[in-house]
Amino acid sequence: MSRRTKVSNTERAYDDLMDEFSTLVEAMEDVFSAAAEDGGEKLSELKGQAEASLKKAKARLGGMEKQAMAKARKIATDSDDYVHENPWTAVGVGAGVGLLLGLLIGRGR
């Protein structure tokens, strides 16, 4: 899978999650307006819809969290493997980054 495909999948998942939360917010607004206007059956129906939206959003968020954790573990493992296979390259890159940061910080004074 290409990097662009991964990014577009992440963006799509984010957009889907934002849609779920927008739906949830709309449902909660309906519940609050129904509660202000009248109670009873309409309020119970809207409350059920809001609860269903909340459960769906929580499930999607939980899935995204698991996916993000799996990606973070893979990145950490890959980084660890790379450093063990190429220790001097890693030391050189770290020194170079440290030097650049030192120069940038020194220029700010």
PDB file of N, CA and C in Angstrom:
ATOM      1  N   MET A   1       0.856  -1.178   0.000  1.00  0.00           N
ATOM      2  CA  MET A   1       0.000   0.000   0.000  1.00  0.00           C
ATOM      3  C   MET A   1       0.896   1.234   0.000  1.00  0.00           C
ATOM      4  N   SER A   2       0.627   2.170  -0.887  1.00  0.00           N
ATOM      5  CA  SER A   2       1.458   3.355  -0.997  1.00  0.00           C
ATOM      6  C   SER A   2       1.169   4.323   0.143  1.00  0.00           C
ATOM      7  N   ARG A   3       2.091   5.236   0.329  1.00  0.00           N
ATOM      8  CA  ARG A   3       1.939   6.232   1.394  1.00  0.00           C
ATOM      9  C   ARG A   3       0.706   7.098   1.147  1.00  0.00           C
ATOM     10  N   ARG A   4       0.470   7.453  -0.120  1.00  0.00           N
ATOM     11  CA  ARG A   4      -0.682   8.298  -0.437  1.00  0.00           C
ATOM     12  C   ARG A   4      -1.991   7.580  -0.114  1.00  0.00           C
ATOM     13  N   THR A   5      -2.031   6.267  -0.376  1.00  0.00           N
ATOM     14  CA  THR A   5      -3.224   5.491  -0.060  1.00  0.00           C
ATOM     15  C   THR A   5      -3.448   5.463   1.447  1.00  0.00           C
ATOM     16  N   LYS A   6      -2.360   5.304   2.199  1.00  0.00           N
ATOM     17  CA  LYS A   6      -2.479   5.304   3.660  1.00  0.00           C
ATOM     18  C   LYS A   6      -3.002   6.646   4.159  1.00  0.00           C
ATOM     19  N   VAL A   7      -2.470   7.736   3.588  1.00  0.00           N
ATOM     20  CA  VAL A   7      -2.909   9.064   4.003  1.00  0.00           C
ATOM     21  C   VAL A   7      -4.376   9.262   3.657  1.00  0.00           C
ATOM     22  N   SER A   8      -4.783   8.859   2.446  1.00  0.00           N
ATOM     23  CA  SER A   8      -6.178   9.048   2.065  1.00  0.00           C
ATOM     24  C   SER A   8      -7.105   8.182   2.923  1.00  0.00           C
ATOM     25  N   ASN A   9      -6.658   6.975   3.307  1.00  0.00           N
ATOM     26  CA  ASN A   9      -7.461   6.145   4.206  1.00  0.00           C
ATOM     27  C   ASN A   9      -7.597   6.803   5.566  1.00  0.00           C
ATOM     28  N   THR A  10      -6.527   7.397   6.048  1.00  0.00           N
ATOM     29  CA  THR A  10      -6.563   8.089   7.339  1.00  0.00           C
ATOM     30  C   THR A  10      -7.492   9.298   7.258  1.00  0.00           C
ATOM     31  N   GLU A  11      -7.385  10.046   6.165  1.00  0.00           N
ATOM     32  CA  GLU A  11      -8.259  11.204   5.997  1.00  0.00           C
ATOM     33  C   GLU A  11      -9.723  10.770   5.914  1.00  0.00           C
ATOM     34  N   ARG A  12      -9.977   9.676   5.210  1.00  0.00           N
ATOM     35  CA  ARG A  12     -11.347   9.174   5.080  1.00  0.00           C
ATOM     36  C   ARG A  12     -11.880   8.742   6.438  1.00  0.00           C
ATOM     37  N   ALA A  13     -11.053   8.057   7.215  1.00  0.00           N
ATOM     38  CA  ALA A  13     -11.476   7.622   8.549  1.00  0.00           C
ATOM     39  C   ALA A  13     -11.754   8.833   9.441  1.00  0.00           C
ATOM     40  N   TYR A  14     -10.908   9.853   9.340  1.00  0.00           N
ATOM     41  CA  TYR A  14     -11.111  11.078  10.117  1.00  0.00           C
ATOM     42  C   TYR A  14     -12.417  11.752   9.705  1.00  0.00           C
ATOM     43  N   ASP A  15     -12.651  11.846   8.396  1.00  0.00           N
ATOM     44  CA  ASP A  15     -13.893  12.463   7.915  1.00  0.00           C
ATOM     45  C   ASP A  15     -15.111  11.683   8.384  1.00  0.00           C
ATOM     46  N   ASP A  16     -15.029  10.357   8.336  1.00  0.00           N
ATOM     47  CA  ASP A  16     -16.145   9.533   8.808  1.00  0.00           C
ATOM     48  C   ASP A  16     -16.408   9.764  10.288  1.00  0.00           C
ATOM     49  N   LEU A  17     -15.325   9.837  11.067  1.00  0.00           N
ATOM     50  CA  LEU A  17     -15.480  10.065  12.500  1.00  0.00           C
ATOM     51  C   LEU A  17     -16.097  11.439  12.769  1.00  0.00           C
ATOM     52  N   MET A  18     -15.653  12.444  12.025  1.00  0.00           N
ATOM     53  CA  MET A  18     -16.216  13.778  12.206  1.00  0.00           C
ATOM     54  C   MET A  18     -17.699  13.797  11.824  1.00  0.00           C
ATOM     55  N   ASP A  19     -18.066  13.034  10.791  1.00  0.00           N
ATOM     56  CA  ASP A  19     -19.483  12.927  10.428  1.00  0.00           C
ATOM     57  C   ASP A  19     -20.288  12.297  11.555  1.00  0.00           C
ATOM     58  N   GLU A  20     -19.712  11.260  12.181  1.00  0.00           N
ATOM     59  CA  GLU A  20     -20.394  10.602  13.295  1.00  0.00           C
ATOM     60  C   GLU A  20     -20.616  11.591  14.447  1.00  0.00           C
ATOM     61  N   PHE A  21     -19.607  12.378  14.757  1.00  0.00           N
ATOM     62  CA  PHE A  21     -19.751  13.332  15.849  1.00  0.00           C
ATOM     63  C   PHE A  21     -20.708  14.454  15.487  1.00  0.00           C
ATOM     64  N   SER A  22     -20.733  14.856  14.223  1.00  0.00           N
ATOM     65  CA  SER A  22     -21.710  15.873  13.793  1.00  0.00           C
ATOM     66  C   SER A  22     -23.128  15.342  13.959  1.00  0.00           C
ATOM     67  N   THR A  23     -23.328  14.089  13.584  1.00  0.00           N
ATOM     68  CA  THR A  23     -24.628  13.454  13.750  1.00  0.00           C
ATOM     69  C   THR A  23     -24.998  13.391  15.221  1.00  0.00           C
ATOM     70  N   LEU A  24     -24.023  13.050  16.048  1.00  0.00           N
ATOM     71  CA  LEU A  24     -24.265  12.984  17.486  1.00  0.00           C
ATOM     72  C   LEU A  24     -24.649  14.353  18.042  1.00  0.00           C
ATOM     73  N   VAL A  25     -23.926  15.382  17.631  1.00  0.00           N
ATOM     74  CA  VAL A  25     -24.221  16.732  18.108  1.00  0.00           C
ATOM     75  C   VAL A  25     -25.626  17.150  17.682  1.00  0.00           C
ATOM     76  N   GLU A  26     -25.980  16.853  16.423  1.00  0.00           N
ATOM     77  CA  GLU A  26     -27.326  17.189  15.953  1.00  0.00           C
ATOM     78  C   GLU A  26     -28.395  16.454  16.765  1.00  0.00           C
ATOM     79  N   ALA A  27     -28.134  15.173  17.043  1.00  0.00           N
ATOM     80  CA  ALA A  27     -29.094  14.393  17.829  1.00  0.00           C
ATOM     81  C   ALA A  27     -29.239  14.962  19.233  1.00  0.00           C
ATOM     82  N   MET A  28     -28.129  15.362  19.828  1.00  0.00           N
ATOM     83  CA  MET A  28     -28.192  15.939  21.173  1.00  0.00           C
ATOM     84  C   MET A  28     -28.933  17.283  21.156  1.00  0.00           C
ATOM     85  N   GLU A  29     -28.733  18.083  20.102  1.00  0.00           N
ATOM     86  CA  GLU A  29     -29.462  19.343  19.991  1.00  0.00           C
ATOM     87  C   GLU A  29     -30.961  19.077  19.890  1.00  0.00           C
ATOM     88  N   ASP A  30     -31.326  18.039  19.132  1.00  0.00           N
ATOM     89  CA  ASP A  30     -32.738  17.674  19.028  1.00  0.00           C
ATOM     90  C   ASP A  30     -33.298  17.256  20.379  1.00  0.00           C
ATOM     91  N   VAL A  31     -32.509  16.488  21.126  1.00  0.00           N
ATOM     92  CA  VAL A  31     -32.950  16.041  22.454  1.00  0.00           C
ATOM     93  C   VAL A  31     -33.173  17.251  23.367  1.00  0.00           C
ATOM     94  N   PHE A  32     -32.231  18.183  23.350  1.00  0.00           N
ATOM     95  CA  PHE A  32     -32.363  19.349  24.219  1.00  0.00           C
ATOM     96  C   PHE A  32     -33.548  20.224  23.819  1.00  0.00           C
ATOM     97  N   SER A  33     -33.758  20.398  22.521  1.00  0.00           N
ATOM     98  CA  SER A  33     -34.890  21.225  22.103  1.00  0.00           C
ATOM     99  C   SER A  33     -36.212  20.528  22.420  1.00  0.00           C
ATOM    100  N   ALA A  34     -36.262  19.198  22.262  1.00  0.00           N
ATOM    101  CA  ALA A  34     -37.480  18.452  22.596  1.00  0.00           C
ATOM    102  C   ALA A  34     -37.737  18.505  24.091  1.00  0.00           C
ATOM    103  N   ALA A  35     -36.669  18.451  24.872  1.00  0.00           N
ATOM    104  CA  ALA A  35     -36.834  18.518  26.327  1.00  0.00           C
ATOM    105  C   ALA A  35     -37.364  19.886  26.736  1.00  0.00           C
ATOM    106  N   ALA A  36     -36.930  20.931  26.023  1.00  0.00           N
ATOM    107  CA  ALA A  36     -37.397  22.269  26.349  1.00  0.00           C
ATOM    108  C   ALA A  36     -38.854  22.461  25.931  1.00  0.00           C
ATOM    109  N   GLU A  37     -39.235  21.843  24.804  1.00  0.00           N
ATOM    110  CA  GLU A  37     -40.589  22.026  24.282  1.00  0.00           C
ATOM    111  C   GLU A  37     -41.598  21.124  24.991  1.00  0.00           C
ATOM    112  N   ASP A  38     -41.323  19.816  24.927  1.00  0.00           N
ATOM    113  CA  ASP A  38     -42.227  18.877  25.588  1.00  0.00           C
ATOM    114  C   ASP A  38     -41.476  17.590  25.897  1.00  0.00           C
ATOM    115  N   GLY A  39     -42.027  16.836  26.758  1.00  0.00           N
ATOM    116  CA  GLY A  39     -41.389  15.573  27.127  1.00  0.00           C
ATOM    117  C   GLY A  39     -42.082  14.432  26.419  1.00  0.00           C
ATOM    118  N   GLY A  40     -42.064  13.316  27.049  1.00  0.00           N
ATOM    119  CA  GLY A  40     -42.830  12.186  26.555  1.00  0.00           C
ATOM    120  C   GLY A  40     -42.158  11.373  25.477  1.00  0.00           C
ATOM    121  N   GLU A  41     -42.991  10.920  24.555  1.00  0.00           N
ATOM    122  CA  GLU A  41     -42.576   9.951  23.544  1.00  0.00           C
ATOM    123  C   GLU A  41     -41.504  10.501  22.598  1.00  0.00           C
ATOM    124  N   LYS A  42     -41.660  11.756  22.166  1.00  0.00           N
ATOM    125  CA  LYS A  42     -40.691  12.349  21.242  1.00  0.00           C
ATOM    126  C   LYS A  42     -39.318  12.419  21.898  1.00  0.00           C
ATOM    127  N   LEU A  43     -39.277  12.796  23.153  1.00  0.00           N
ATOM    128  CA  LEU A  43     -38.015  12.891  23.868  1.00  0.00           C
ATOM    129  C   LEU A  43     -37.370  11.514  23.999  1.00  0.00           C
ATOM    130  N   SER A  44     -38.138  10.498  24.293  1.00  0.00           N
ATOM    131  CA  SER A  44     -37.605   9.135  24.405  1.00  0.00           C
ATOM    132  C   SER A  44     -37.031   8.658  23.079  1.00  0.00           C
ATOM    133  N   GLU A  45     -37.742   8.962  21.987  1.00  0.00           N
ATOM    134  CA  GLU A  45     -37.269   8.564  20.656  1.00  0.00           C
ATOM    135  C   GLU A  45     -35.953   9.258  20.315  1.00  0.00           C
ATOM    136  N   LEU A  46     -35.885  10.565  20.561  1.00  0.00           N
ATOM    137  CA  LEU A  46     -34.661  11.322  20.272  1.00  0.00           C
ATOM    138  C   LEU A  46     -33.507  10.874  21.168  1.00  0.00           C
ATOM    139  N   LYS A  47     -33.823  10.555  22.399  1.00  0.00           N
ATOM    140  CA  LYS A  47     -32.790  10.072  23.314  1.00  0.00           C
ATOM    141  C   LYS A  47     -32.214   8.749  22.803  1.00  0.00           C
ATOM    142  N   GLY A  48     -33.074   7.869  22.316  1.00  0.00           N
ATOM    143  CA  GLY A  48     -32.610   6.601  21.760  1.00  0.00           C
ATOM    144  C   GLY A  48     -31.718   6.811  20.551  1.00  0.00           C
ATOM    145  N   GLN A  49     -32.091   7.747  19.685  1.00  0.00           N
ATOM    146  CA  GLN A  49     -31.267   8.048  18.516  1.00  0.00           C
ATOM    147  C   GLN A  49     -29.912   8.613  18.927  1.00  0.00           C
ATOM    148  N   ALA A  50     -29.916   9.488  19.922  1.00  0.00           N
ATOM    149  CA  ALA A  50     -28.661  10.071  20.400  1.00  0.00           C
ATOM    150  C   ALA A  50     -27.763   9.002  21.013  1.00  0.00           C
ATOM    151  N   GLU A  51     -28.337   8.096  21.779  1.00  0.00           N
ATOM    152  CA  GLU A  51     -27.550   7.024  22.384  1.00  0.00           C
ATOM    153  C   GLU A  51     -26.958   6.109  21.312  1.00  0.00           C
ATOM    154  N   ALA A  52     -27.741   5.821  20.265  1.00  0.00           N
ATOM    155  CA  ALA A  52     -27.236   4.985  19.177  1.00  0.00           C
ATOM    156  C   ALA A  52     -26.082   5.668  18.451  1.00  0.00           C
ATOM    157  N   SER A  53     -26.210   6.976  18.219  1.00  0.00           N
ATOM    158  CA  SER A  53     -25.134   7.730  17.575  1.00  0.00           C
ATOM    159  C   SER A  53     -23.882   7.743  18.440  1.00  0.00           C
ATOM    160  N   LEU A  54     -24.067   7.891  19.731  1.00  0.00           N
ATOM    161  CA  LEU A  54     -22.931   7.908  20.657  1.00  0.00           C
ATOM    162  C   LEU A  54     -22.221   6.560  20.675  1.00  0.00           C
ATOM    163  N   LYS A  55     -22.973   5.476  20.716  1.00  0.00           N
ATOM    164  CA  LYS A  55     -22.364   4.141  20.705  1.00  0.00           C
ATOM    165  C   LYS A  55     -21.581   3.906  19.417  1.00  0.00           C
ATOM    166  N   LYS A  56     -22.150   4.329  18.299  1.00  0.00           N
ATOM    167  CA  LYS A  56     -21.482   4.160  17.008  1.00  0.00           C
ATOM    168  C   LYS A  56     -20.187   4.974  16.962  1.00  0.00           C
ATOM    169  N   ALA A  57     -20.238   6.217  17.450  1.00  0.00           N
ATOM    170  CA  ALA A  57     -19.048   7.066  17.463  1.00  0.00           C
ATOM    171  C   ALA A  57     -17.981   6.492  18.390  1.00  0.00           C
ATOM    172  N   LYS A  58     -18.383   5.981  19.545  1.00  0.00           N
ATOM    173  CA  LYS A  58     -17.422   5.377  20.478  1.00  0.00           C
ATOM    174  C   LYS A  58     -16.760   4.150  19.863  1.00  0.00           C
ATOM    175  N   ALA A  59     -17.550   3.330  19.182  1.00  0.00           N
ATOM    176  CA  ALA A  59     -16.993   2.133  18.545  1.00  0.00           C
ATOM    177  C   ALA A  59     -15.994   2.518  17.461  1.00  0.00           C
ATOM    178  N   ARG A  60     -16.330   3.502  16.662  1.00  0.00           N
ATOM    179  CA  ARG A  60     -15.424   3.942  15.598  1.00  0.00           C
ATOM    180  C   ARG A  60     -14.153   4.533  16.198  1.00  0.00           C
ATOM    181  N   LEU A  61     -14.287   5.328  17.242  1.00  0.00           N
ATOM    182  CA  LEU A  61     -13.128   5.926  17.888  1.00  0.00           C
ATOM    183  C   LEU A  61     -12.241   4.852  18.501  1.00  0.00           C
ATOM    184  N   GLY A  62     -12.850   3.846  19.117  1.00  0.00           N
ATOM    185  CA  GLY A  62     -12.077   2.739  19.679  1.00  0.00           C
ATOM    186  C   GLY A  62     -11.307   1.991  18.608  1.00  0.00           C
ATOM    187  N   GLY A  63     -11.943   1.776  17.461  1.00  0.00           N
ATOM    188  CA  GLY A  63     -11.266   1.113  16.348  1.00  0.00           C
ATOM    189  C   GLY A  63     -10.106   1.932  15.821  1.00  0.00           C
ATOM    190  N   MET A  64     -10.316   3.241  15.712  1.00  0.00           N
ATOM    191  CA  MET A  64      -9.233   4.116  15.250  1.00  0.00           C
ATOM    192  C   MET A  64      -8.085   4.145  16.251  1.00  0.00           C
ATOM    193  N   GLU A  65      -8.411   4.097  17.535  1.00  0.00           N
ATOM    194  CA  GLU A  65      -7.374   4.093  18.565  1.00  0.00           C
ATOM    195  C   GLU A  65      -6.528   2.825  18.459  1.00  0.00           C
ATOM    196  N   LYS A  66      -7.177   1.680  18.277  1.00  0.00           N
ATOM    197  CA  LYS A  66      -6.436   0.427  18.131  1.00  0.00           C
ATOM    198  C   LYS A  66      -5.558   0.452  16.896  1.00  0.00           C
ATOM    199  N   GLN A  67      -6.081   0.999  15.805  1.00  0.00           N
ATOM    200  CA  GLN A  67      -5.322   1.082  14.568  1.00  0.00           C
ATOM    201  C   GLN A  67      -4.108   2.001  14.745  1.00  0.00           C
ATOM    202  N   ALA A  68      -4.304   3.129  15.414  1.00  0.00           N
ATOM    203  CA  ALA A  68      -3.207   4.066  15.649  1.00  0.00           C
ATOM    204  C   ALA A  68      -2.134   3.438  16.546  1.00  0.00           C
ATOM    205  N   MET A  69      -2.559   2.701  17.564  1.00  0.00           N
ATOM    206  CA  MET A  69      -1.601   2.039  18.449  1.00  0.00           C
ATOM    207  C   MET A  69      -0.788   0.984  17.682  1.00  0.00           C
ATOM    208  N   ALA A  70      -1.450   0.243  16.806  1.00  0.00           N
ATOM    209  CA  ALA A  70      -0.748  -0.769  16.015  1.00  0.00           C
ATOM    210  C   ALA A  70       0.278  -0.108  15.097  1.00  0.00           C
ATOM    211  N   LYS A  71      -0.090   1.009  14.478  1.00  0.00           N
ATOM    212  CA  LYS A  71       0.848   1.731  13.607  1.00  0.00           C
ATOM    213  C   LYS A  71       2.022   2.279  14.415  1.00  0.00           C
ATOM    214  N   ALA A  72       1.739   2.816  15.586  1.00  0.00           N
ATOM    215  CA  ALA A  72       2.811   3.363  16.428  1.00  0.00           C
ATOM    216  C   ALA A  72       3.781   2.260  16.854  1.00  0.00           C
ATOM    217  N   ARG A  73       3.244   1.092  17.207  1.00  0.00           N
ATOM    218  CA  ARG A  73       4.117  -0.033  17.582  1.00  0.00           C
ATOM    219  C   ARG A  73       4.983  -0.470  16.410  1.00  0.00           C
ATOM    220  N   LYS A  74       4.394  -0.513  15.212  1.00  0.00           N
ATOM    221  CA  LYS A  74       5.153  -0.913  14.025  1.00  0.00           C
ATOM    222  C   LYS A  74       6.256   0.091  13.731  1.00  0.00           C
ATOM    223  N   ILE A  75       5.949   1.375  13.820  1.00  0.00           N
ATOM    224  CA  ILE A  75       6.956   2.410  13.583  1.00  0.00           C
ATOM    225  C   ILE A  75       8.081   2.293  14.608  1.00  0.00           C
ATOM    226  N   ALA A  76       7.732   2.073  15.870  1.00  0.00           N
ATOM    227  CA  ALA A  76       8.748   1.929  16.914  1.00  0.00           C
ATOM    228  C   ALA A  76       9.616   0.701  16.665  1.00  0.00           C
ATOM    229  N   THR A  77       9.003  -0.402  16.280  1.00  0.00           N
ATOM    230  CA  THR A  77       9.754  -1.627  15.994  1.00  0.00           C
ATOM    231  C   THR A  77      10.665  -1.433  14.787  1.00  0.00           C
ATOM    232  N   ASP A  78      10.128  -0.821  13.735  1.00  0.00           N
ATOM    233  CA  ASP A  78      10.937  -0.570  12.537  1.00  0.00           C
ATOM    234  C   ASP A  78      12.108   0.354  12.848  1.00  0.00           C
ATOM    235  N   SER A  79      11.855   1.383  13.646  1.00  0.00           N
ATOM    236  CA  SER A  79      12.928   2.311  14.029  1.00  0.00           C
ATOM    237  C   SER A  79      13.992   1.598  14.852  1.00  0.00           C
ATOM    238  N   ASP A  80      13.561   0.788  15.787  1.00  0.00           N
ATOM    239  CA  ASP A  80      14.500   0.030  16.615  1.00  0.00           C
ATOM    240  C   ASP A  80      15.346  -0.914  15.760  1.00  0.00           C
ATOM    241  N   ASP A  81      14.705  -1.606  14.825  1.00  0.00           N
ATOM    242  CA  ASP A  81      15.436  -2.503  13.928  1.00  0.00           C
ATOM    243  C   ASP A  81      16.459  -1.741  13.095  1.00  0.00           C
ATOM    244  N   TYR A  82      16.057  -0.583  12.562  1.00  0.00           N
ATOM    245  CA  TYR A  82      16.959   0.213  11.735  1.00  0.00           C
ATOM    246  C   TYR A  82      18.176   0.666  12.534  1.00  0.00           C
ATOM    247  N   VAL A  83      17.937   1.138  13.746  1.00  0.00           N
ATOM    248  CA  VAL A  83      19.046   1.619  14.581  1.00  0.00           C
ATOM    249  C   VAL A  83      19.998   0.472  14.915  1.00  0.00           C
ATOM    250  N   HIS A  84      19.453  -0.715  15.179  1.00  0.00           N
ATOM    251  CA  HIS A  84      20.313  -1.858  15.479  1.00  0.00           C
ATOM    252  C   HIS A  84      21.094  -2.317  14.256  1.00  0.00           C
ATOM    253  N   GLU A  85      20.508  -2.192  13.075  1.00  0.00           N
ATOM    254  CA  GLU A  85      21.192  -2.597  11.847  1.00  0.00           C
ATOM    255  C   GLU A  85      22.183  -1.548  11.375  1.00  0.00           C
ATOM    256  N   ASN A  86      21.933  -0.278  11.665  1.00  0.00           N
ATOM    257  CA  ASN A  86      22.772   0.833  11.194  1.00  0.00           C
ATOM    258  C   ASN A  86      23.095   1.788  12.340  1.00  0.00           C
ATOM    259  N   PRO A  87      23.854   1.332  13.336  1.00  0.00           N
ATOM    260  CA  PRO A  87      24.063   2.187  14.507  1.00  0.00           C
ATOM    261  C   PRO A  87      24.816   3.482  14.199  1.00  0.00           C
ATOM    262  N   TRP A  88      25.813   3.425  13.338  1.00  0.00           N
ATOM    263  CA  TRP A  88      26.597   4.635  13.076  1.00  0.00           C
ATOM    264  C   TRP A  88      25.808   5.646  12.254  1.00  0.00           C
ATOM    265  N   THR A  89      24.970   5.165  11.387  1.00  0.00           N
ATOM    266  CA  THR A  89      24.110   6.076  10.635  1.00  0.00           C
ATOM    267  C   THR A  89      23.162   6.795  11.599  1.00  0.00           C
ATOM    268  N   ALA A  90      22.588   6.036  12.525  1.00  0.00           N
ATOM    269  CA  ALA A  90      21.679   6.627  13.508  1.00  0.00           C
ATOM    270  C   ALA A  90      22.400   7.652  14.377  1.00  0.00           C
ATOM    271  N   VAL A  91      23.622   7.344  14.785  1.00  0.00           N
ATOM    272  CA  VAL A  91      24.405   8.279  15.595  1.00  0.00           C
ATOM    273  C   VAL A  91      24.690   9.542  14.785  1.00  0.00           C
ATOM    274  N   GLY A  92      25.057   9.368  13.514  1.00  0.00           N
ATOM    275  CA  GLY A  92      25.343  10.517  12.653  1.00  0.00           C
ATOM    276  C   GLY A  92      24.125  11.397  12.449  1.00  0.00           C
ATOM    277  N   VAL A  93      22.988  10.784  12.198  1.00  0.00           N
ATOM    278  CA  VAL A  93      21.759  11.561  12.012  1.00  0.00           C
ATOM    279  C   VAL A  93      21.405  12.291  13.304  1.00  0.00           C
ATOM    280  N   GLY A  94      21.517  11.613  14.430  1.00  0.00           N
ATOM    281  CA  GLY A  94      21.220  12.251  15.717  1.00  0.00           C
ATOM    282  C   GLY A  94      22.149  13.420  15.987  1.00  0.00           C
ATOM    283  N   ALA A  95      23.430  13.249  15.687  1.00  0.00           N
ATOM    284  CA  ALA A  95      24.395  14.335  15.888  1.00  0.00           C
ATOM    285  C   ALA A  95      24.084  15.506  14.961  1.00  0.00           C
ATOM    286  N   GLY A  96      23.735  15.203  13.722  1.00  0.00           N
ATOM    287  CA  GLY A  96      23.405  16.260  12.765  1.00  0.00           C
ATOM    288  C   GLY A  96      22.178  17.046  13.199  1.00  0.00           C
ATOM    289  N   VAL A  97      21.156  16.361  13.635  1.00  0.00           N
ATOM    290  CA  VAL A  97      19.945  17.029  14.107  1.00  0.00           C
ATOM    291  C   VAL A  97      20.264  17.869  15.343  1.00  0.00           C
ATOM    292  N   GLY A  98      21.063  17.318  16.254  1.00  0.00           N
ATOM    293  CA  GLY A  98      21.446  18.073  17.445  1.00  0.00           C
ATOM    294  C   GLY A  98      22.234  19.328  17.094  1.00  0.00           C
ATOM    295  N   LEU A  99      23.130  19.201  16.116  1.00  0.00           N
ATOM    296  CA  LEU A  99      23.919  20.354  15.684  1.00  0.00           C
ATOM    297  C   LEU A  99      23.015  21.424  15.085  1.00  0.00           C
ATOM    298  N   LEU A 100      22.110  21.021  14.218  1.00  0.00           N
ATOM    299  CA  LEU A 100      21.187  21.986  13.611  1.00  0.00           C
ATOM    300  C   LEU A 100      20.314  22.677  14.653  1.00  0.00           C
ATOM    301  N   LEU A 101      19.788  21.900  15.599  1.00  0.00           N
ATOM    302  CA  LEU A 101      18.980  22.507  16.659  1.00  0.00           C
ATOM    303  C   LEU A 101      19.806  23.474  17.497  1.00  0.00           C
ATOM    304  N   GLY A 102      21.045  23.086  17.792  1.00  0.00           N
ATOM    305  CA  GLY A 102      21.930  23.973  18.553  1.00  0.00           C
ATOM    306  C   GLY A 102      22.196  25.273  17.820  1.00  0.00           C
ATOM    307  N   LEU A 103      22.418  25.176  16.510  1.00  0.00           N
ATOM    308  CA  LEU A 103      22.649  26.387  15.725  1.00  0.00           C
ATOM    309  C   LEU A 103      21.409  27.273  15.690  1.00  0.00           C
ATOM    310  N   LEU A 104      20.248  26.652  15.512  1.00  0.00           N
ATOM    311  CA  LEU A 104      19.015  27.438  15.469  1.00  0.00           C
ATOM    312  C   LEU A 104      18.731  28.122  16.811  1.00  0.00           C
ATOM    313  N   ILE A 105      18.951  27.393  17.878  1.00  0.00           N
ATOM    314  CA  ILE A 105      18.723  27.962  19.213  1.00  0.00           C
ATOM    315  C   ILE A 105      19.729  29.087  19.481  1.00  0.00           C
ATOM    316  N   GLY A 106      20.970  28.854  19.060  1.00  0.00           N
ATOM    317  CA  GLY A 106      22.019  29.868  19.263  1.00  0.00           C
ATOM    318  C   GLY A 106      21.762  31.145  18.483  1.00  0.00           C
ATOM    319  N   ARG A 107      21.164  31.032  17.324  1.00  0.00           N
ATOM    320  CA  ARG A 107      20.857  32.211  16.509  1.00  0.00           C
ATOM    321  C   ARG A 107      19.729  33.027  17.105  1.00  0.00           C
ATOM    322  N   GLY A 108      18.850  32.377  17.878  1.00  0.00           N
ATOM    323  CA  GLY A 108      17.686  33.064  18.457  1.00  0.00           C
ATOM    324  C   GLY A 108      18.060  33.993  19.589  1.00  0.00           C
ATOM    325  N   ARG A 109      19.246  33.893  20.102  1.00  0.00           N
ATOM    326  CA  ARG A 109      19.630  34.725  21.263  1.00  0.00           C
ATOM    327  C   ARG A 109      20.150  36.053  20.858  1.00  0.00           C
TER     328      ARG A 109
END
